[in-house]
Amino acid sequence: MHLTYLLINIFSAIVPFLFSFYPAIRFNNHFKAFIAGNAIASACFIGWDVLFTGQNVWGFNYAYTLGFK
């Protein structure tokens, strides 16, 4: 039960990741742009999450996480 959030993230990412190597899509040629765009978006959303969890606007149920705070 402690792995619920982690497993949801892994299973929601694994299928698109595997299909990115499909020859007709050839997404693997664009990983640099993907990583750059993902880093920018992640910085915004991680900052947002840190701010709001610090203000107790939202939080995480520790019964479903690995216990890191």
Protein backbone atom coordinates (compact mmCIF):
# COMPACT_ATOMS: atom_id res chain seq x y z
CA MET A 1 0.00 0.00 0.00
CA HIS A 2 2.95 2.32 0.56
CA LEU A 3 3.84 2.09 -3.12
CA THR A 4 0.48 3.25 -4.50
CA TYR A 5 1.51 6.73 -5.70
CA LEU A 6 4.81 5.41 -7.05
CA LEU A 7 3.14 2.58 -8.97
CA ILE A 8 0.54 4.94 -10.47
CA ASN A 9 3.33 7.20 -11.71
CA ILE A 10 5.38 4.32 -13.11
CA PHE A 11 2.49 2.63 -14.91
CA SER A 12 1.19 5.91 -16.35
CA ALA A 13 4.64 6.68 -17.80
CA ILE A 14 5.85 3.27 -18.95
CA VAL A 15 3.50 2.79 -21.95
CA PRO A 16 4.18 6.21 -23.55
CA PHE A 17 7.90 5.70 -22.90
CA LEU A 18 7.94 2.32 -24.60
CA PHE A 19 5.90 3.57 -27.57
CA SER A 20 8.30 6.49 -28.00
CA PHE A 21 10.74 4.03 -29.57
CA TYR A 22 8.20 2.79 -32.12
CA PRO A 23 9.71 3.47 -35.57
CA ALA A 24 6.67 5.27 -36.98
CA ILE A 25 6.63 7.77 -34.10
CA ARG A 26 10.41 8.18 -33.65
CA PHE A 27 9.99 10.33 -30.55
CA ASN A 28 13.40 9.18 -29.31
CA ASN A 29 14.98 11.65 -31.76
CA HIS A 30 13.45 14.53 -29.79
CA PHE A 31 14.45 13.62 -26.23
CA LYS A 32 16.58 16.78 -25.81
CA ALA A 33 13.62 19.07 -26.44
CA PHE A 34 11.39 16.87 -24.30
CA ILE A 35 13.80 16.99 -21.35
CA ALA A 36 14.19 20.78 -21.62
CA GLY A 37 10.44 21.38 -21.77
CA ASN A 38 9.80 18.89 -19.00
CA ALA A 39 12.41 20.55 -16.77
CA ILE A 40 10.79 23.98 -17.19
CA ALA A 41 7.29 22.66 -16.46
CA SER A 42 8.52 20.55 -13.53
CA ALA A 43 10.27 23.52 -11.92
CA CYS A 44 7.02 25.50 -11.98
CA PHE A 45 4.85 22.71 -10.63
CA ILE A 46 7.33 21.51 -8.00
CA GLY A 47 7.63 25.07 -6.72
CA TRP A 48 3.84 25.32 -6.64
CA ASP A 49 3.58 22.02 -4.72
CA VAL A 50 6.25 23.00 -2.18
CA LEU A 51 4.51 26.32 -1.54
CA PHE A 52 1.03 24.85 -1.13
CA THR A 53 2.05 21.86 0.97
CA GLY A 54 4.00 24.23 3.23
CA GLN A 55 0.85 26.32 3.70
CA ASN A 56 -1.28 23.19 4.29
CA VAL A 57 -3.45 23.92 1.26
CA TRP A 58 -2.99 20.28 0.28
CA GLY A 59 -0.97 17.32 1.38
CA PHE A 60 -0.28 13.67 0.90
CA ASN A 61 -1.74 10.65 2.63
CA TYR A 62 1.34 8.95 4.09
CA ALA A 63 -0.45 5.59 4.10
CA TYR A 64 0.03 5.58 0.30
CA THR A 65 3.58 6.95 0.05
CA LEU A 66 7.04 5.66 0.88
CA GLY A 67 7.17 7.84 4.00
CA PHE A 68 9.39 10.67 2.72
CA LYS A 69 8.29 14.10 3.90
